[in-house]
Amino acid sequence: MGKNKKEIILEKFGMVATKLGNQIHLRTLRDAFATFMPFMMLAGFVTLINYVILEPTGFLGHFIRPATLSTIQEIGISISNGTLSITTLLVVAAVSYHMCVSRNYQNSIAAVLVAISTFIVLTPMVTMFTPENSQKAIEVSGVIPIAYTGASGMFVGIFVGLAATELFIKLSKNEKLQINLSGNIPPAVLKSFNVLIPIMLTITVFAIGSFAINQLFHMDVNTLITTIITKPLSKITTGLPGFLLLTSIANLFFGFGIHQAVISGSLLDPFLIQNMQENMAAYANKEEIPHIINMAFKDTFAVMGGSGNTIALLIAIFIFSRRKDYKDFAKLSVTPAIFNISEPIIFGLPIVFNISLIIPFVLAPIFSLTVAYFATAVGLINHVVVQIPWTTPPIISGFLATGGDWRAAVLQVIIIAASVFIYLPFLRIDEKVTSDMTK
């Protein structure tokens, strides 16, 4: 029996999604940011503790001397220096390592060291500093500006992690460039001599390239990549229309059994993470918060109960469903959903390959993100400034992610309630279709 048109379309869609998910560079970025995420969560936790709980002008300031609180904050500041301030270095190392894994290259430590060294080669060792009581800035050499190692240099880190590692791996597999030593030599020494020439060539190539760019365009590699790539792409991916489009495509993929990380993990997360880092830094320095859309914003308002805001679907089933089997299954899925794990209901109810429920699965996050965006824009809730674990339960997540704003938690309740009625008509359709099929 031949396949109908619907089955053929779904099969082709699945093949394209699978190929995209297995693309080596996208997979590398997805895995690298998954490795890097705990550092962001630590930075977010410290930001919350330092500037909400330990804030000298806050609640505790009435009971503990502000000077004492400021002293305790130094612990968090040092942690922030080891996470937020070296974001790009961590990204370089993570991307390089996972590039080695993707290429099945064994000497990953050499590749990571080459990538880090290459990044420093491309980074100008100079910054401008204005001395106290002076109106004129002076140039200070021999220092690495935090602007390059922090969030703003992330895309240079991604570029270096991918490009330098790819070049190094290719050169190190060339037997003509290997130095083979004879005798009873320790394996570590033998490995290092085997990659000696590839290391020298890789770093030198990037040094020459950096010099050429500086001479031709009178700017460093960081500035060039930021101007040509980062800023234009960031406006597309983290502007509301582009963000909603990519999030919707990611959820649509999930509706056909391809995890949403295929899209968001590779194409969206780098921009969201950079925005999140910049928000946390601005919040810590008591500056104006630059971004509405960021990593924790997505997790807080588009992953309530898991992808597709499926906590609303569970509530709709508990209150309105006429099918006992649906309610029984919802009972099994509710505990994971509290911690934003939606796989049980996505694959068990199921939502996958179920057009009746795929539609609200895509629509509900569009609604919630749009409402949260404009609520933030007009000042009804604070900006999202703390990177929280994605498993933080709804309502609590809104309060924590906005630095303790109770209004964000209330907004989450309102969004969930409205999303119940987005799911409800489609749940009715699904129940009818399922009942007709079982007769």
Protein backbone atom coordinates (compact mmCIF):
# COMPACT_ATOMS: atom_id res chain seq x y z
CA MET A 1 0.00 0.00 0.00
CA GLY A 2 1.52 3.32 -1.11
CA LYS A 3 2.11 6.27 1.14
CA ASN A 4 -0.34 9.16 0.96
CA LYS A 5 0.77 12.76 0.41
CA LYS A 6 0.59 13.60 4.11
CA GLU A 7 2.93 10.75 5.06
CA ILE A 8 5.37 11.69 2.29
CA ILE A 9 5.47 15.35 3.43
CA LEU A 10 5.98 14.37 7.07
CA GLU A 11 8.73 11.95 6.10
CA LYS A 12 10.57 14.58 4.03
CA PHE A 13 10.17 17.11 6.82
CA GLY A 14 11.65 14.64 9.29
CA MET A 15 14.60 13.93 6.97
CA VAL A 16 15.40 17.64 6.58
CA ALA A 17 15.09 18.21 10.34
CA THR A 18 17.35 15.24 11.08
CA LYS A 19 20.01 16.42 8.63
CA LEU A 20 19.92 19.90 10.15
CA GLY A 21 20.20 18.48 13.64
CA ASN A 22 23.19 16.35 12.64
CA GLN A 23 25.04 19.16 10.84
CA ILE A 24 28.43 18.99 12.52
CA HIS A 25 28.93 22.68 13.32
CA LEU A 26 25.38 23.23 14.58
CA ARG A 27 25.64 20.09 16.70
CA THR A 28 28.95 21.30 18.07
CA LEU A 29 27.48 24.65 19.10
CA ARG A 30 24.45 22.98 20.69
CA ASP A 31 26.61 20.65 22.77
CA ALA A 32 29.10 23.40 23.65
CA PHE A 33 26.41 25.69 25.05
CA ALA A 34 24.93 22.81 27.00
CA THR A 35 28.37 22.34 28.60
CA PHE A 36 28.71 26.06 29.24
CA MET A 37 25.25 26.53 30.78
CA PRO A 38 26.15 25.60 34.41
CA PHE A 39 28.57 28.54 34.52
CA MET A 40 25.75 30.86 33.44
CA MET A 41 23.46 29.43 36.10
CA LEU A 42 26.13 29.98 38.74
CA ALA A 43 26.55 33.56 37.55
CA GLY A 44 22.77 34.02 37.68
CA PHE A 45 22.56 32.58 41.18
CA VAL A 46 25.34 34.89 42.39
CA THR A 47 23.69 37.89 40.74
CA LEU A 48 20.44 37.09 42.55
CA ILE A 49 22.17 36.68 45.91
CA ASN A 50 24.43 39.72 45.57
CA TYR A 51 22.02 42.28 44.19
CA VAL A 52 18.67 41.18 45.60
CA ILE A 53 19.39 39.57 48.96
CA LEU A 54 22.72 41.19 49.93
CA GLU A 55 22.02 44.60 48.40
CA PRO A 56 23.09 47.14 51.08
CA THR A 57 20.13 49.42 50.28
CA GLY A 58 17.67 46.51 50.35
CA PHE A 59 15.76 44.66 53.05
CA LEU A 60 18.80 43.22 54.86
CA GLY A 61 20.30 46.70 55.05
CA HIS A 62 17.86 47.46 57.88
CA PHE A 63 19.32 44.65 60.03
CA ILE A 64 22.94 44.30 58.91
CA ARG A 65 25.44 47.09 58.43
CA PRO A 66 25.61 48.06 54.71
CA ALA A 67 29.42 47.96 54.91
CA THR A 68 29.23 44.34 56.07
CA LEU A 69 26.91 43.42 53.21
CA SER A 70 29.22 45.12 50.72
CA THR A 71 32.13 43.10 52.09
CA ILE A 72 30.21 39.82 51.74
CA GLN A 73 29.31 40.77 48.17
CA GLU A 74 32.99 40.49 47.26
CA ILE A 75 32.60 36.69 47.26
CA GLY A 76 29.96 36.94 44.55
CA ILE A 77 31.98 39.51 42.62
CA SER A 78 34.94 37.13 42.47
CA ILE A 79 32.65 34.36 41.18
CA SER A 80 31.23 36.76 38.61
CA ASN A 81 34.78 37.56 37.49
CA GLY A 82 35.37 33.84 36.96
CA THR A 83 32.16 33.32 34.99
CA LEU A 84 30.60 36.41 33.42
CA SER A 85 33.90 38.18 32.79
CA ILE A 86 35.47 35.23 30.94
CA THR A 87 32.38 34.03 29.10
CA THR A 88 34.12 34.06 25.74
CA LEU A 89 37.14 32.08 26.96
CA LEU A 90 34.81 29.40 28.33
CA VAL A 91 32.93 29.33 25.01
CA VAL A 92 36.17 28.98 23.03
CA ALA A 93 37.20 25.97 25.12
CA ALA A 94 33.76 24.31 25.00
CA VAL A 95 33.31 24.79 21.24
CA SER A 96 36.82 23.53 20.50
CA TYR A 97 36.37 20.43 22.65
CA HIS A 98 33.01 19.48 21.12
CA MET A 99 34.41 20.13 17.65
CA CYS A 100 37.04 17.47 18.45
CA VAL A 101 34.29 15.11 19.65
CA SER A 102 32.31 15.70 16.46
CA ARG A 103 35.41 15.00 14.33
CA ASN A 104 36.46 12.01 16.45
CA TYR A 105 39.79 13.70 17.10
CA GLN A 106 41.54 12.24 20.14
CA ASN A 107 44.06 14.93 21.12
CA SER A 108 41.36 17.34 22.24
CA ILE A 109 43.48 19.06 24.90
CA ALA A 110 45.91 20.26 22.23
CA ALA A 111 43.05 21.60 20.11
CA VAL A 112 41.51 23.45 23.07
CA LEU A 113 44.85 25.05 23.97
CA VAL A 114 45.37 26.09 20.35
CA ALA A 115 41.90 27.66 20.24
CA ILE A 116 42.47 29.63 23.45
CA SER A 117 45.91 30.76 22.26
CA THR A 118 44.42 31.80 18.90
CA PHE A 119 41.72 33.81 20.61
CA ILE A 120 44.34 35.74 22.60
CA VAL A 121 46.30 36.33 19.37
CA LEU A 122 43.21 37.97 17.85
CA THR A 123 42.51 40.06 20.96
CA PRO A 124 44.10 43.52 21.13
CA MET A 125 46.08 43.90 24.37
CA VAL A 126 45.11 47.50 24.88
CA THR A 127 42.33 49.46 26.54
CA MET A 128 41.42 53.06 27.27
CA PHE A 129 41.47 54.21 30.90
CA THR A 130 40.46 57.54 32.41
CA PRO A 131 42.41 58.28 35.60
CA GLU A 132 40.61 59.72 38.62
CA ASN A 133 40.13 63.51 38.45
CA SER A 134 41.09 63.48 34.80
CA GLN A 135 38.93 64.18 31.75
CA LYS A 136 41.31 62.64 29.26
CA ALA A 137 41.51 58.88 28.65
CA ILE A 138 44.91 57.28 28.24
CA GLU A 139 45.84 54.11 26.38
CA VAL A 140 46.96 51.24 28.58
CA SER A 141 48.76 48.34 26.89
CA GLY A 142 49.50 44.83 28.13
CA VAL A 143 45.97 44.12 29.38
CA ILE A 144 43.08 42.07 28.01
CA PRO A 145 39.88 44.16 28.05
CA ILE A 146 36.90 42.44 29.68
CA ALA A 147 34.86 43.71 26.73
CA TYR A 148 36.54 41.01 24.64
CA THR A 149 36.52 38.16 27.15
CA GLY A 150 32.96 38.85 28.36
CA ALA A 151 29.64 38.36 26.61
CA SER A 152 30.27 40.92 23.86
CA GLY A 153 33.10 38.81 22.44
CA MET A 154 31.09 35.59 22.31
CA PHE A 155 30.80 35.36 18.54
CA VAL A 156 34.53 35.83 18.12
CA GLY A 157 34.88 32.94 20.56
CA ILE A 158 32.50 30.81 18.51
CA PHE A 159 34.37 31.66 15.30
CA VAL A 160 37.76 30.88 16.83
CA GLY A 161 36.54 27.70 18.50
CA LEU A 162 35.23 26.37 15.19
CA ALA A 163 37.75 27.74 12.68
CA ALA A 164 40.98 27.30 14.65
CA THR A 165 40.02 23.78 15.73
CA GLU A 166 39.01 22.74 12.22
CA LEU A 167 42.29 24.02 10.77
CA PHE A 168 44.36 22.43 13.55
CA ILE A 169 42.66 19.04 13.17
CA LYS A 170 43.16 19.09 9.41
CA LEU A 171 46.84 19.99 9.71
CA SER A 172 47.53 17.50 12.50
CA LYS A 173 46.17 14.64 10.38
CA ASN A 174 48.71 15.42 7.67
CA GLU A 175 51.51 12.88 8.22
CA LYS A 176 54.04 15.14 6.48
CA LEU A 177 53.63 17.66 9.30
CA GLN A 178 54.17 15.16 12.09
CA ILE A 179 57.48 14.78 13.90
CA ASN A 180 58.01 11.11 14.64
CA LEU A 181 60.45 10.41 17.46
CA SER A 182 62.02 7.04 18.13
CA GLY A 183 62.98 5.51 21.44
CA ASN A 184 61.29 5.10 24.80
CA ILE A 185 59.43 8.42 24.86
CA PRO A 186 56.52 9.24 27.19
CA PRO A 187 53.18 9.33 25.30
CA ALA A 188 52.49 12.94 26.31
CA VAL A 189 55.81 14.10 24.85
CA LEU A 190 55.23 12.08 21.67
CA LYS A 191 51.77 13.61 21.23
CA SER A 192 53.08 17.13 21.72
CA PHE A 193 55.82 16.70 19.10
CA ASN A 194 53.36 15.16 16.63
CA VAL A 195 51.27 18.34 16.71
CA LEU A 196 54.14 20.83 17.09
CA ILE A 197 54.09 22.02 13.47
CA PRO A 198 50.25 22.11 13.21
CA ILE A 199 50.14 24.24 16.39
CA MET A 200 52.70 26.66 15.03
CA LEU A 201 51.01 26.90 11.64
CA THR A 202 47.48 27.36 13.02
CA ILE A 203 48.38 30.17 15.41
CA THR A 204 50.59 31.86 12.83
CA VAL A 205 47.89 31.78 10.14
CA PHE A 206 45.43 33.53 12.44
CA ALA A 207 48.07 36.03 13.58
CA ILE A 208 48.79 36.96 9.94
CA GLY A 209 45.07 37.17 9.22
CA SER A 210 44.54 39.45 12.21
CA PHE A 211 47.42 41.67 11.10
CA ALA A 212 46.02 41.87 7.55
CA ILE A 213 42.54 42.83 8.79
CA ASN A 214 44.03 45.51 11.02
CA GLN A 215 46.04 46.97 8.14
CA LEU A 216 43.21 46.83 5.59
CA PHE A 217 40.24 47.89 7.72
CA HIS A 218 41.96 49.63 10.65
CA MET A 219 40.04 47.51 13.16
CA ASP A 220 40.62 44.33 15.11
CA VAL A 221 38.91 41.02 14.37
CA ASN A 222 36.51 41.44 17.29
CA THR A 223 35.24 44.77 15.99
CA LEU A 224 34.98 43.46 12.42
CA ILE A 225 32.94 40.38 13.38
CA THR A 226 30.71 42.45 15.68
CA THR A 227 30.05 45.01 12.94
CA ILE A 228 29.48 42.59 10.05
CA ILE A 229 27.91 39.56 11.73
CA THR A 230 26.89 39.91 15.36
CA LYS A 231 24.86 43.12 15.34
CA PRO A 232 22.83 42.37 12.17
CA LEU A 233 22.06 38.78 13.23
CA SER A 234 21.23 39.82 16.78
CA LYS A 235 18.63 42.29 15.53
CA ILE A 236 16.99 39.49 13.54
CA THR A 237 17.13 36.68 16.07
CA THR A 238 16.37 38.65 19.24
CA GLY A 239 14.00 41.16 17.75
CA LEU A 240 10.44 40.11 18.56
CA PRO A 241 9.38 38.96 15.02
CA GLY A 242 12.54 36.90 14.41
CA PHE A 243 12.53 35.49 17.92
CA LEU A 244 8.91 34.38 17.62
CA LEU A 245 9.55 32.87 14.20
CA LEU A 246 12.56 30.81 15.33
CA THR A 247 10.83 29.73 18.55
CA SER A 248 7.76 28.66 16.58
CA ILE A 249 9.85 26.68 14.09
CA ALA A 250 11.66 25.00 16.99
CA ASN A 251 8.35 23.97 18.58
CA LEU A 252 7.02 22.83 15.19
CA PHE A 253 10.07 20.58 14.84
CA PHE A 254 9.34 19.18 18.28
CA GLY A 255 5.79 18.49 17.15
CA PHE A 256 7.25 16.16 14.54
CA GLY A 257 9.55 14.40 16.98
CA ILE A 258 12.72 16.46 16.39
CA HIS A 259 13.82 18.11 19.62
CA GLN A 260 13.47 21.90 19.58
CA ALA A 261 17.17 22.23 20.51
CA VAL A 262 17.93 21.52 16.82
CA ILE A 263 16.82 25.08 16.08
CA SER A 264 17.07 27.01 19.33
CA GLY A 265 20.19 25.27 20.59
CA SER A 266 22.25 26.14 17.51
CA LEU A 267 20.73 29.19 15.86
CA LEU A 268 19.08 31.06 18.72
CA ASP A 269 20.82 30.28 22.01
CA PRO A 270 24.14 32.05 21.25
CA PHE A 271 22.31 35.36 20.82
CA LEU A 272 20.02 34.76 23.79
CA ILE A 273 22.95 33.83 26.02
CA GLN A 274 24.88 36.94 24.99
CA ASN A 275 21.86 39.12 25.79
CA MET A 276 21.47 37.34 29.13
CA GLN A 277 25.10 37.94 30.04
CA GLU A 278 24.83 41.63 29.16
CA ASN A 279 21.64 41.97 31.23
CA MET A 280 23.24 40.34 34.27
CA ALA A 281 26.31 42.56 33.97
CA ALA A 282 24.17 45.70 33.65
CA TYR A 283 22.02 44.65 36.62
CA ALA A 284 25.12 44.02 38.75
CA ASN A 285 26.51 47.46 37.83
CA LYS A 286 23.14 49.20 38.38
CA GLU A 287 23.01 50.26 34.72
CA GLU A 288 20.04 50.39 32.36
CA ILE A 289 19.04 46.86 31.30
CA PRO A 290 19.71 46.60 27.55
CA HIS A 291 17.59 43.62 26.40
CA ILE A 292 14.06 42.32 26.87
CA ILE A 293 14.61 39.05 25.01
CA ASN A 294 17.26 36.73 26.40
CA MET A 295 17.82 33.13 27.48
CA ALA A 296 15.96 33.28 30.79
CA PHE A 297 13.13 35.30 29.19
CA LYS A 298 12.46 32.37 26.86
CA ASP A 299 12.70 29.81 29.66
CA THR A 300 10.47 31.87 31.97
CA PHE A 301 7.62 32.61 29.58
CA ALA A 302 7.81 29.98 26.80
CA VAL A 303 8.76 26.83 28.73
CA MET A 304 6.19 26.80 31.55
CA GLY A 305 5.62 23.12 32.12
CA GLY A 306 8.03 22.42 29.26
CA SER A 307 8.11 23.30 25.57
CA GLY A 308 4.84 24.67 24.27
CA ASN A 309 3.80 25.83 27.78
CA THR A 310 2.23 22.39 28.22
CA ILE A 311 1.36 23.11 31.86
CA ALA A 312 -1.69 24.82 30.34
CA LEU A 313 -2.63 21.67 28.42
CA LEU A 314 -2.44 19.60 31.61
CA ILE A 315 -4.68 22.07 33.43
CA ALA A 316 -7.13 22.01 30.52
CA ILE A 317 -7.24 18.20 30.71
CA PHE A 318 -7.77 18.16 34.49
CA ILE A 319 -10.61 20.70 34.36
CA PHE A 320 -12.32 20.16 31.02
CA SER A 321 -11.42 16.76 29.58
CA ARG A 322 -14.20 14.19 29.22
CA ARG A 323 -11.82 11.27 28.81
CA LYS A 324 -10.64 9.31 31.83
CA ASP A 325 -7.55 8.00 30.00
CA TYR A 326 -6.43 11.58 29.27
CA LYS A 327 -6.83 12.53 32.92
CA ASP A 328 -4.96 9.44 34.07
CA PHE A 329 -2.10 10.24 31.75
CA ALA A 330 -2.10 13.87 32.87
CA LYS A 331 -1.64 12.70 36.46
CA LEU A 332 1.50 10.85 35.42
CA SER A 333 2.83 13.88 33.53
CA VAL A 334 2.14 16.63 36.05
CA THR A 335 5.16 16.05 38.32
CA PRO A 336 7.74 16.33 35.49
CA ALA A 337 5.78 19.31 34.13
CA ILE A 338 6.21 21.21 37.40
CA PHE A 339 9.93 21.17 36.62
CA ASN A 340 9.35 22.06 32.94
CA ILE A 341 9.90 18.56 31.58
CA SER A 342 7.32 18.04 28.85
CA GLU A 343 8.57 14.89 27.09
CA PRO A 344 6.08 12.58 28.89
CA ILE A 345 3.05 14.44 27.55
CA ILE A 346 4.64 15.29 24.19
CA PHE A 347 5.43 11.68 23.36
CA GLY A 348 2.85 9.98 25.54
CA LEU A 349 -0.48 11.74 24.96
CA PRO A 350 0.86 12.32 22.27
CA ILE A 351 1.44 15.77 20.80
CA VAL A 352 3.97 14.53 18.22
CA PHE A 353 2.44 13.93 14.79
CA ASN A 354 -0.90 15.06 16.21
CA ILE A 355 -1.97 18.11 14.20
CA SER A 356 -4.83 18.86 16.61
CA LEU A 357 -2.38 19.55 19.43
CA ILE A 358 0.65 20.71 17.43
CA ILE A 359 -1.22 23.90 16.52
CA PRO A 360 -1.74 25.15 20.12
CA PHE A 361 1.70 23.76 21.02
CA VAL A 362 3.10 26.38 18.61
CA LEU A 363 0.54 29.13 19.31
CA ALA A 364 0.68 29.16 23.13
CA PRO A 365 4.35 30.28 23.35
CA ILE A 366 3.76 32.95 20.68
CA PHE A 367 0.99 34.38 22.85
CA SER A 368 2.95 34.17 26.10
CA LEU A 369 6.16 35.67 24.72
CA THR A 370 4.31 38.53 23.03
CA VAL A 371 2.42 39.41 26.21
CA ALA A 372 5.58 39.19 28.35
CA TYR A 373 7.55 41.27 25.84
CA PHE A 374 5.12 44.18 25.85
CA ALA A 375 4.57 43.90 29.62
CA THR A 376 8.32 44.36 30.03
CA ALA A 377 8.52 47.11 27.41
CA VAL A 378 5.87 49.28 29.14
CA GLY A 379 7.25 48.62 32.62
CA LEU A 380 4.52 46.37 34.00
CA ILE A 381 7.23 43.88 35.03
CA ASN A 382 10.99 44.17 35.48
CA HIS A 383 13.39 42.98 32.82
CA VAL A 384 14.64 39.42 33.11
CA VAL A 385 18.10 39.82 34.64
CA VAL A 386 18.92 36.49 36.33
CA GLN A 387 19.76 33.25 34.53
CA ILE A 388 17.82 30.62 36.44
CA PRO A 389 17.86 26.85 35.90
CA TRP A 390 15.34 25.94 33.21
CA THR A 391 13.84 23.40 35.63
CA THR A 392 12.68 26.17 38.00
CA PRO A 393 8.90 25.76 38.42
CA PRO A 394 6.57 28.37 36.86
CA ILE A 395 5.62 31.33 39.06
CA ILE A 396 8.79 30.86 41.10
CA SER A 397 10.78 31.30 37.89
CA GLY A 398 9.11 34.61 37.06
CA PHE A 399 9.86 35.99 40.52
CA LEU A 400 13.52 34.92 40.52
CA ALA A 401 14.38 35.71 36.89
CA THR A 402 13.25 39.32 37.25
CA GLY A 403 15.28 39.89 40.38
CA GLY A 404 12.39 39.39 42.79
CA ASP A 405 9.52 41.10 40.95
CA TRP A 406 6.23 39.59 42.18
CA ARG A 407 4.39 41.10 39.21
CA ALA A 408 6.23 38.73 36.85
CA ALA A 409 4.92 35.76 38.85
CA VAL A 410 1.38 37.15 38.61
CA LEU A 411 1.84 37.62 34.86
CA GLN A 412 2.85 33.97 34.54
CA VAL A 413 -0.39 32.93 36.28
CA ILE A 414 -2.43 35.11 33.89
CA ILE A 415 -0.59 33.73 30.84
CA ILE A 416 -1.07 30.13 31.96
CA ALA A 417 -4.80 30.74 32.53
CA ALA A 418 -5.18 32.29 29.07
CA SER A 419 -3.14 29.49 27.49
CA VAL A 420 -5.58 26.94 28.92
CA PHE A 421 -8.22 28.43 26.64
CA ILE A 422 -5.81 28.39 23.69
CA TYR A 423 -5.40 24.63 24.16
CA LEU A 424 -9.05 23.91 25.04
CA PRO A 425 -10.75 23.98 21.59
CA PHE A 426 -7.95 21.89 20.09
CA LEU A 427 -8.17 19.45 23.00
CA ARG A 428 -11.88 19.04 22.22
CA ILE A 429 -11.04 18.33 18.56
CA ASP A 430 -8.35 15.83 19.56
CA GLU A 431 -10.73 14.01 21.92
CA LYS A 432 -13.37 13.77 19.20
CA VAL A 433 -10.87 12.47 16.63
CA THR A 434 -9.50 9.94 19.11
CA SER A 435 -13.01 8.77 20.08
CA ASP A 436 -13.99 8.35 16.43
CA MET A 437 -10.86 6.30 15.74
CA THR A 438 -11.53 3.92 18.65
CA LYS A 439 -15.14 3.19 17.66
